[in-house]
PDB file of N, CA and C in Angstrom:
ATOM      1  N   MET A   1       4.575  -8.109  13.393  1.00  0.00           N
ATOM      2  CA  MET A   1       5.139  -8.097  12.056  1.00  0.00           C
ATOM      3  C   MET A   1       6.581  -7.642  12.140  1.00  0.00           C
ATOM      4  N   LEU A   2       7.429  -8.286  11.354  1.00  0.00           N
ATOM      5  CA  LEU A   2       8.834  -7.925  11.326  1.00  0.00           C
ATOM      6  C   LEU A   2       9.040  -6.615  10.591  1.00  0.00           C
ATOM      7  N   PRO A   3       9.979  -5.799  11.078  1.00  0.00           N
ATOM      8  CA  PRO A   3      10.329  -4.608  10.294  1.00  0.00           C
ATOM      9  C   PRO A   3      10.946  -5.052   8.969  1.00  0.00           C
ATOM     10  N   PRO A   4      10.901  -4.206   7.944  1.00  0.00           N
ATOM     11  CA  PRO A   4      11.408  -4.610   6.619  1.00  0.00           C
ATOM     12  C   PRO A   4      12.833  -5.158   6.648  1.00  0.00           C
ATOM     13  N   LYS A   5      13.730  -4.519   7.403  1.00  0.00           N
ATOM     14  CA  LYS A   5      15.116  -4.997   7.437  1.00  0.00           C
ATOM     15  C   LYS A   5      15.205  -6.382   8.059  1.00  0.00           C
ATOM     16  N   ALA A   6      14.499  -6.592   9.155  1.00  0.00           N
ATOM     17  CA  ALA A   6      14.522  -7.896   9.817  1.00  0.00           C
ATOM     18  C   ALA A   6      13.914  -8.961   8.919  1.00  0.00           C
ATOM     19  N   PHE A   7      12.857  -8.599   8.201  1.00  0.00           N
ATOM     20  CA  PHE A   7      12.222  -9.532   7.272  1.00  0.00           C
ATOM     21  C   PHE A   7      13.205  -9.952   6.180  1.00  0.00           C
ATOM     22  N   LEU A   8      13.872  -8.964   5.586  1.00  0.00           N
ATOM     23  CA  LEU A   8      14.834  -9.272   4.522  1.00  0.00           C
ATOM     24  C   LEU A   8      16.024 -10.063   5.062  1.00  0.00           C
ATOM     25  N   ASP A   9      16.474  -9.726   6.279  1.00  0.00           N
ATOM     26  CA  ASP A   9      17.573 -10.486   6.878  1.00  0.00           C
ATOM     27  C   ASP A   9      17.169 -11.940   7.100  1.00  0.00           C
ATOM     28  N   SER A  10      15.957 -12.150   7.585  1.00  0.00           N
ATOM     29  CA  SER A  10      15.458 -13.507   7.794  1.00  0.00           C
ATOM     30  C   SER A  10      15.370 -14.267   6.478  1.00  0.00           C
ATOM     31  N   LEU A  11      14.874 -13.584   5.469  1.00  0.00           N
ATOM     32  CA  LEU A  11      14.764 -14.180   4.141  1.00  0.00           C
ATOM     33  C   LEU A  11      16.147 -14.565   3.607  1.00  0.00           C
ATOM     34  N   ALA A  12      17.094 -13.667   3.734  1.00  0.00           N
ATOM     35  CA  ALA A  12      18.457 -13.936   3.263  1.00  0.00           C
ATOM     36  C   ALA A  12      19.095 -15.085   4.036  1.00  0.00           C
ATOM     37  N   GLN A  13      18.856 -15.127   5.340  1.00  0.00           N
ATOM     38  CA  GLN A  13      19.426 -16.192   6.168  1.00  0.00           C
ATOM     39  C   GLN A  13      18.864 -17.553   5.765  1.00  0.00           C
ATOM     40  N   GLN A  14      17.570 -17.626   5.546  1.00  0.00           N
ATOM     41  CA  GLN A  14      16.972 -18.895   5.143  1.00  0.00           C
ATOM     42  C   GLN A  14      17.451 -19.304   3.758  1.00  0.00           C
ATOM     43  N   ALA A  15      17.560 -18.365   2.834  1.00  0.00           N
ATOM     44  CA  ALA A  15      18.049 -18.677   1.492  1.00  0.00           C
ATOM     45  C   ALA A  15      19.487 -19.174   1.563  1.00  0.00           C
ATOM     46  N   SER A  16      20.291 -18.517   2.362  1.00  0.00           N
ATOM     47  CA  SER A  16      21.693 -18.906   2.499  1.00  0.00           C
ATOM     48  C   SER A  16      21.825 -20.303   3.081  1.00  0.00           C
ATOM     49  N   SER A  17      21.034 -20.604   4.099  1.00  0.00           N
ATOM     50  CA  SER A  17      21.132 -21.932   4.711  1.00  0.00           C
ATOM     51  C   SER A  17      20.675 -23.023   3.749  1.00  0.00           C
ATOM     52  N   LEU A  18      19.654 -22.726   2.944  1.00  0.00           N
ATOM     53  CA  LEU A  18      19.189 -23.725   1.984  1.00  0.00           C
ATOM     54  C   LEU A  18      20.182 -23.933   0.857  1.00  0.00           C
ATOM     55  N   LEU A  19      20.765 -22.856   0.386  1.00  0.00           N
ATOM     56  CA  LEU A  19      21.707 -22.971  -0.722  1.00  0.00           C
ATOM     57  C   LEU A  19      23.034 -23.566  -0.288  1.00  0.00           C
ATOM     58  N   SER A  20      23.384 -23.450   0.987  1.00  0.00           N
ATOM     59  CA  SER A  20      24.645 -24.007   1.461  1.00  0.00           C
ATOM     60  C   SER A  20      24.550 -25.516   1.645  1.00  0.00           C
ATOM     61  N   GLN A  21      23.350 -26.031   1.705  1.00  0.00           N
ATOM     62  CA  GLN A  21      23.169 -27.476   1.829  1.00  0.00           C
ATOM     63  C   GLN A  21      23.506 -28.127   0.492  1.00  0.00           C
ATOM     64  N   ASP A  22      24.115 -29.258   0.562  1.00  0.00           N
ATOM     65  CA  ASP A  22      24.539 -29.940  -0.655  1.00  0.00           C
ATOM     66  C   ASP A  22      23.527 -31.034  -1.004  1.00  0.00           C
ATOM     67  N   LYS A  23      22.392 -30.620  -1.561  1.00  0.00           N
ATOM     68  CA  LYS A  23      21.393 -31.590  -1.963  1.00  0.00           C
ATOM     69  C   LYS A  23      20.703 -31.087  -3.228  1.00  0.00           C
ATOM     70  N   PRO A  24      20.249 -31.981  -4.078  1.00  0.00           N
ATOM     71  CA  PRO A  24      19.678 -31.579  -5.365  1.00  0.00           C
ATOM     72  C   PRO A  24      18.348 -30.831  -5.261  1.00  0.00           C
ATOM     73  N   ALA A  25      17.625 -31.028  -4.177  1.00  0.00           N
ATOM     74  CA  ALA A  25      16.315 -30.403  -4.056  1.00  0.00           C
ATOM     75  C   ALA A  25      16.393 -29.048  -3.356  1.00  0.00           C
ATOM     76  N   ALA A  26      17.590 -28.470  -3.246  1.00  0.00           N
ATOM     77  CA  ALA A  26      17.752 -27.206  -2.521  1.00  0.00           C
ATOM     78  C   ALA A  26      16.934 -26.085  -3.137  1.00  0.00           C
ATOM     79  N   VAL A  27      16.880 -26.044  -4.459  1.00  0.00           N
ATOM     80  CA  VAL A  27      16.122 -24.978  -5.123  1.00  0.00           C
ATOM     81  C   VAL A  27      14.635 -25.112  -4.823  1.00  0.00           C
ATOM     82  N   GLU A  28      14.125 -26.329  -4.876  1.00  0.00           N
ATOM     83  CA  GLU A  28      12.712 -26.553  -4.552  1.00  0.00           C
ATOM     84  C   GLU A  28      12.422 -26.208  -3.095  1.00  0.00           C
ATOM     85  N   ASP A  29      13.317 -26.616  -2.207  1.00  0.00           N
ATOM     86  CA  ASP A  29      13.150 -26.288  -0.790  1.00  0.00           C
ATOM     87  C   ASP A  29      13.179 -24.776  -0.585  1.00  0.00           C
ATOM     88  N   LEU A  30      14.097 -24.109  -1.276  1.00  0.00           N
ATOM     89  CA  LEU A  30      14.198 -22.661  -1.166  1.00  0.00           C
ATOM     90  C   LEU A  30      12.905 -22.004  -1.637  1.00  0.00           C
ATOM     91  N   GLU A  31      12.396 -22.457  -2.764  1.00  0.00           N
ATOM     92  CA  GLU A  31      11.152 -21.894  -3.291  1.00  0.00           C
ATOM     93  C   GLU A  31      10.002 -22.091  -2.305  1.00  0.00           C
ATOM     94  N   GLN A  32       9.884 -23.292  -1.757  1.00  0.00           N
ATOM     95  CA  GLN A  32       8.803 -23.570  -0.800  1.00  0.00           C
ATOM     96  C   GLN A  32       8.943 -22.723   0.458  1.00  0.00           C
ATOM     97  N   GLN A  33      10.158 -22.608   0.958  1.00  0.00           N
ATOM     98  CA  GLN A  33      10.373 -21.824   2.179  1.00  0.00           C
ATOM     99  C   GLN A  33      10.130 -20.336   1.917  1.00  0.00           C
ATOM    100  N   LEU A  34      10.566 -19.845   0.762  1.00  0.00           N
ATOM    101  CA  LEU A  34      10.339 -18.439   0.430  1.00  0.00           C
ATOM    102  C   LEU A  34       8.849 -18.149   0.291  1.00  0.00           C
ATOM    103  N   ARG A  35       8.140 -19.049  -0.367  1.00  0.00           N
ATOM    104  CA  ARG A  35       6.693 -18.871  -0.501  1.00  0.00           C
ATOM    105  C   ARG A  35       6.017 -18.847   0.874  1.00  0.00           C
ATOM    106  N   ALA A  36       6.402 -19.767   1.731  1.00  0.00           N
ATOM    107  CA  ALA A  36       5.814 -19.830   3.073  1.00  0.00           C
ATOM    108  C   ALA A  36       6.133 -18.562   3.857  1.00  0.00           C
ATOM    109  N   LEU A  37       7.368 -18.095   3.755  1.00  0.00           N
ATOM    110  CA  LEU A  37       7.778 -16.892   4.474  1.00  0.00           C
ATOM    111  C   LEU A  37       7.037 -15.669   3.949  1.00  0.00           C
ATOM    112  N   LEU A  38       6.960 -15.541   2.633  1.00  0.00           N
ATOM    113  CA  LEU A  38       6.260 -14.399   2.042  1.00  0.00           C
ATOM    114  C   LEU A  38       4.767 -14.453   2.341  1.00  0.00           C
ATOM    115  N   GLN A  39       4.178 -15.633   2.253  1.00  0.00           N
ATOM    116  CA  GLN A  39       2.759 -15.774   2.560  1.00  0.00           C
ATOM    117  C   GLN A  39       2.487 -15.380   4.004  1.00  0.00           C
ATOM    118  N   SER A  40       3.356 -15.811   4.896  1.00  0.00           N
ATOM    119  CA  SER A  40       3.213 -15.458   6.304  1.00  0.00           C
ATOM    120  C   SER A  40       3.300 -13.945   6.497  1.00  0.00           C
ATOM    121  N   ALA A  41       4.253 -13.311   5.832  1.00  0.00           N
ATOM    122  CA  ALA A  41       4.405 -11.855   5.948  1.00  0.00           C
ATOM    123  C   ALA A  41       3.199 -11.136   5.360  1.00  0.00           C
ATOM    124  N   PHE A  42       2.716 -11.587   4.213  1.00  0.00           N
ATOM    125  CA  PHE A  42       1.585 -10.930   3.570  1.00  0.00           C
ATOM    126  C   PHE A  42       0.296 -11.067   4.372  1.00  0.00           C
ATOM    127  N   THR A  43       0.118 -12.203   5.038  1.00  0.00           N
ATOM    128  CA  THR A  43      -1.111 -12.376   5.814  1.00  0.00           C
ATOM    129  C   THR A  43      -1.134 -11.449   7.022  1.00  0.00           C
ATOM    130  N   ARG A  44       0.038 -11.041   7.497  1.00  0.00           N
ATOM    131  CA  ARG A  44       0.092 -10.121   8.636  1.00  0.00           C
ATOM    132  C   ARG A  44      -0.071  -8.667   8.210  1.00  0.00           C
ATOM    133  N   LEU A  45       0.055  -8.392   6.927  1.00  0.00           N
ATOM    134  CA  LEU A  45      -0.122  -7.028   6.438  1.00  0.00           C
ATOM    135  C   LEU A  45      -1.597  -6.750   6.189  1.00  0.00           C
ATOM    136  N   ASP A  46      -1.948  -5.504   6.273  1.00  0.00           N
ATOM    137  CA  ASP A  46      -3.330  -5.093   6.016  1.00  0.00           C
ATOM    138  C   ASP A  46      -3.428  -4.704   4.545  1.00  0.00           C
ATOM    139  N   LEU A  47      -3.523  -5.689   3.669  1.00  0.00           N
ATOM    140  CA  LEU A  47      -3.527  -5.460   2.232  1.00  0.00           C
ATOM    141  C   LEU A  47      -4.937  -5.573   1.665  1.00  0.00           C
ATOM    142  N   VAL A  48      -5.162  -4.857   0.579  1.00  0.00           N
ATOM    143  CA  VAL A  48      -6.418  -4.973  -0.156  1.00  0.00           C
ATOM    144  C   VAL A  48      -6.098  -5.325  -1.593  1.00  0.00           C
ATOM    145  N   SER A  49      -7.068  -5.895  -2.267  1.00  0.00           N
ATOM    146  CA  SER A  49      -6.855  -6.251  -3.665  1.00  0.00           C
ATOM    147  C   SER A  49      -6.832  -4.991  -4.521  1.00  0.00           C
ATOM    148  N   ARG A  50      -6.285  -5.094  -5.699  1.00  0.00           N
ATOM    149  CA  ARG A  50      -6.251  -3.977  -6.643  1.00  0.00           C
ATOM    150  C   ARG A  50      -7.678  -3.539  -6.962  1.00  0.00           C
ATOM    151  N   GLU A  51      -8.558  -4.510  -7.123  1.00  0.00           N
ATOM    152  CA  GLU A  51      -9.959  -4.212  -7.434  1.00  0.00           C
ATOM    153  C   GLU A  51     -10.598  -3.385  -6.317  1.00  0.00           C
ATOM    154  N   GLU A  52     -10.379  -3.774  -5.076  1.00  0.00           N
ATOM    155  CA  GLU A  52     -10.937  -3.038  -3.945  1.00  0.00           C
ATOM    156  C   GLU A  52     -10.324  -1.635  -3.860  1.00  0.00           C
ATOM    157  N   PHE A  53      -9.021  -1.539  -4.105  1.00  0.00           N
ATOM    158  CA  PHE A  53      -8.348  -0.236  -4.074  1.00  0.00           C
ATOM    159  C   PHE A  53      -8.941   0.695  -5.126  1.00  0.00           C
ATOM    160  N   GLU A  54      -9.091   0.196  -6.349  1.00  0.00           N
ATOM    161  CA  GLU A  54      -9.642   1.013  -7.427  1.00  0.00           C
ATOM    162  C   GLU A  54     -11.088   1.402  -7.141  1.00  0.00           C
ATOM    163  N   SER A  55     -11.842   0.491  -6.555  1.00  0.00           N
ATOM    164  CA  SER A  55     -13.222   0.782  -6.196  1.00  0.00           C
ATOM    165  C   SER A  55     -13.276   1.904  -5.157  1.00  0.00           C
ATOM    166  N   GLN A  56     -12.444   1.820  -4.152  1.00  0.00           N
ATOM    167  CA  GLN A  56     -12.419   2.847  -3.115  1.00  0.00           C
ATOM    168  C   GLN A  56     -11.892   4.182  -3.655  1.00  0.00           C
ATOM    169  N   ALA A  57     -10.953   4.135  -4.588  1.00  0.00           N
ATOM    170  CA  ALA A  57     -10.454   5.363  -5.211  1.00  0.00           C
ATOM    171  C   ALA A  57     -11.570   6.057  -5.984  1.00  0.00           C
ATOM    172  N   LEU A  58     -12.400   5.279  -6.648  1.00  0.00           N
ATOM    173  CA  LEU A  58     -13.535   5.835  -7.383  1.00  0.00           C
ATOM    174  C   LEU A  58     -14.547   6.456  -6.419  1.00  0.00           C
ATOM    175  N   VAL A  59     -14.815   5.779  -5.317  1.00  0.00           N
ATOM    176  CA  VAL A  59     -15.725   6.321  -4.309  1.00  0.00           C
ATOM    177  C   VAL A  59     -15.165   7.643  -3.774  1.00  0.00           C
ATOM    178  N   LEU A  60     -13.870   7.682  -3.516  1.00  0.00           N
ATOM    179  CA  LEU A  60     -13.240   8.902  -3.013  1.00  0.00           C
ATOM    180  C   LEU A  60     -13.346  10.034  -4.033  1.00  0.00           C
ATOM    181  N   GLN A  61     -13.123   9.726  -5.294  1.00  0.00           N
ATOM    182  CA  GLN A  61     -13.221  10.738  -6.343  1.00  0.00           C
ATOM    183  C   GLN A  61     -14.639  11.315  -6.401  1.00  0.00           C
ATOM    184  N   ARG A  62     -15.635  10.443  -6.359  1.00  0.00           N
ATOM    185  CA  ARG A  62     -17.029  10.894  -6.375  1.00  0.00           C
ATOM    186  C   ARG A  62     -17.353  11.736  -5.136  1.00  0.00           C
ATOM    187  N   THR A  63     -16.824  11.326  -3.989  1.00  0.00           N
ATOM    188  CA  THR A  63     -17.053  12.067  -2.758  1.00  0.00           C
ATOM    189  C   THR A  63     -16.442  13.456  -2.841  1.00  0.00           C
ATOM    190  N   ARG A  64     -15.245  13.553  -3.394  1.00  0.00           N
ATOM    191  CA  ARG A  64     -14.597  14.859  -3.561  1.00  0.00           C
ATOM    192  C   ARG A  64     -15.402  15.756  -4.488  1.00  0.00           C
ATOM    193  N   GLN A  65     -15.907  15.188  -5.577  1.00  0.00           N
ATOM    194  CA  GLN A  65     -16.723  15.970  -6.505  1.00  0.00           C
ATOM    195  C   GLN A  65     -17.984  16.472  -5.804  1.00  0.00           C
ATOM    196  N   ARG A  66     -18.603  15.611  -5.033  1.00  0.00           N
ATOM    197  CA  ARG A  66     -19.827  16.002  -4.325  1.00  0.00           C
ATOM    198  C   ARG A  66     -19.512  17.082  -3.287  1.00  0.00           C
ATOM    199  N   LEU A  67     -18.398  16.948  -2.609  1.00  0.00           N
ATOM    200  CA  LEU A  67     -17.991  17.945  -1.619  1.00  0.00           C
ATOM    201  C   LEU A  67     -17.774  19.306  -2.287  1.00  0.00           C
ATOM    202  N   GLU A  68     -17.123  19.313  -3.444  1.00  0.00           N
ATOM    203  CA  GLU A  68     -16.916  20.569  -4.173  1.00  0.00           C
ATOM    204  C   GLU A  68     -18.251  21.191  -4.571  1.00  0.00           C
ATOM    205  N   GLN A  69     -19.199  20.374  -5.006  1.00  0.00           N
ATOM    206  CA  GLN A  69     -20.520  20.888  -5.362  1.00  0.00           C
ATOM    207  C   GLN A  69     -21.207  21.503  -4.147  1.00  0.00           C
ATOM    208  N   LEU A  70     -21.111  20.812  -3.033  1.00  0.00           N
ATOM    209  CA  LEU A  70     -21.739  21.320  -1.810  1.00  0.00           C
ATOM    210  C   LEU A  70     -21.070  22.610  -1.327  1.00  0.00           C
ATOM    211  N   GLU A  71     -19.758  22.682  -1.459  1.00  0.00           N
ATOM    212  CA  GLU A  71     -19.058  23.907  -1.081  1.00  0.00           C
ATOM    213  C   GLU A  71     -19.520  25.080  -1.946  1.00  0.00           C
ATOM    214  N   GLN A  72     -19.687  24.839  -3.233  1.00  0.00           N
ATOM    215  CA  GLN A  72     -20.169  25.890  -4.123  1.00  0.00           C
ATOM    216  C   GLN A  72     -21.592  26.296  -3.754  1.00  0.00           C
ATOM    217  N   GLN A  73     -22.405  25.322  -3.432  1.00  0.00           N
ATOM    218  CA  GLN A  73     -23.791  25.605  -3.050  1.00  0.00           C
ATOM    219  C   GLN A  73     -23.835  26.431  -1.764  1.00  0.00           C
ATOM    220  N   VAL A  74     -23.016  26.080  -0.790  1.00  0.00           N
ATOM    221  CA  VAL A  74     -22.965  26.823   0.464  1.00  0.00           C
ATOM    222  C   VAL A  74     -22.498  28.257   0.195  1.00  0.00           C
ATOM    223  N   ALA A  75     -21.509  28.420  -0.668  1.00  0.00           N
ATOM    224  CA  ALA A  75     -21.013  29.756  -0.996  1.00  0.00           C
ATOM    225  C   ALA A  75     -22.124  30.595  -1.633  1.00  0.00           C
ATOM    226  N   ARG A  76     -22.895  29.998  -2.531  1.00  0.00           N
ATOM    227  CA  ARG A  76     -24.007  30.719  -3.159  1.00  0.00           C
ATOM    228  C   ARG A  76     -25.065  31.108  -2.126  1.00  0.00           C
ATOM    229  N   LEU A  77     -25.390  30.194  -1.234  1.00  0.00           N
ATOM    230  CA  LEU A  77     -26.388  30.472  -0.202  1.00  0.00           C
ATOM    231  C   LEU A  77     -25.902  31.581   0.747  1.00  0.00           C
ATOM    232  N   GLU A  78     -24.622  31.529   1.110  1.00  0.00           N
ATOM    233  CA  GLU A  78     -24.079  32.574   1.969  1.00  0.00           C
ATOM    234  C   GLU A  78     -24.140  33.928   1.268  1.00  0.00           C
ATOM    235  N   GLU A  79     -23.845  33.924  -0.016  1.00  0.00           N
ATOM    236  CA  GLU A  79     -23.908  35.168  -0.796  1.00  0.00           C
ATOM    237  C   GLU A  79     -25.336  35.697  -0.837  1.00  0.00           C
ATOM    238  N   GLN A  80     -26.295  34.821  -1.021  1.00  0.00           N
ATOM    239  CA  GLN A  80     -27.702  35.232  -1.032  1.00  0.00           C
ATOM    240  C   GLN A  80     -28.115  35.806   0.317  1.00  0.00           C
ATOM    241  N   LEU A  81     -27.632  35.183   1.403  1.00  0.00           N
ATOM    242  CA  LEU A  81     -27.962  35.688   2.744  1.00  0.00           C
ATOM    243  C   LEU A  81     -27.379  37.078   2.958  1.00  0.00           C
ATOM    244  N   GLN A  82     -26.181  37.312   2.489  1.00  0.00           N
ATOM    245  CA  GLN A  82     -25.558  38.623   2.648  1.00  0.00           C
ATOM    246  C   GLN A  82     -26.305  39.685   1.840  1.00  0.00           C
ATOM    247  N   GLN A  83     -26.792  39.311   0.680  1.00  0.00           N
ATOM    248  CA  GLN A  83     -27.513  40.257  -0.172  1.00  0.00           C
ATOM    249  C   GLN A  83     -28.872  40.614   0.430  1.00  0.00           C
ATOM    250  N   THR A  84     -29.524  39.674   1.070  1.00  0.00           N
ATOM    251  CA  THR A  84     -30.844  39.935   1.637  1.00  0.00           C
ATOM    252  C   THR A  84     -30.740  40.538   3.036  1.00  0.00           C
ATOM    253  N   GLY A  85     -29.608  40.378   3.679  1.00  0.00           N
ATOM    254  CA  GLY A  85     -29.469  40.844   5.051  1.00  0.00           C
ATOM    255  C   GLY A  85     -29.010  42.213   5.150  1.00  0.00           C
TER     256      GLY A  85
END
């Protein structure tokens, strides 16, 4: 995967070369090339959908709540052990 600066430089270079050409379809060509370049970059990234992200955030929130409950339970049990010991 290209570093962000190299990616943007490549994008700018391709846009510049397309716009410097003297033909009426330059804008369409630019759009197609930009889409292809961005699609290529996005497929190399490890991205998740918003839905998956929100789902995992909810799972994490529930896990944190459960962990806090368990920590409280352990603290109570330790306190009981100290009182009986």
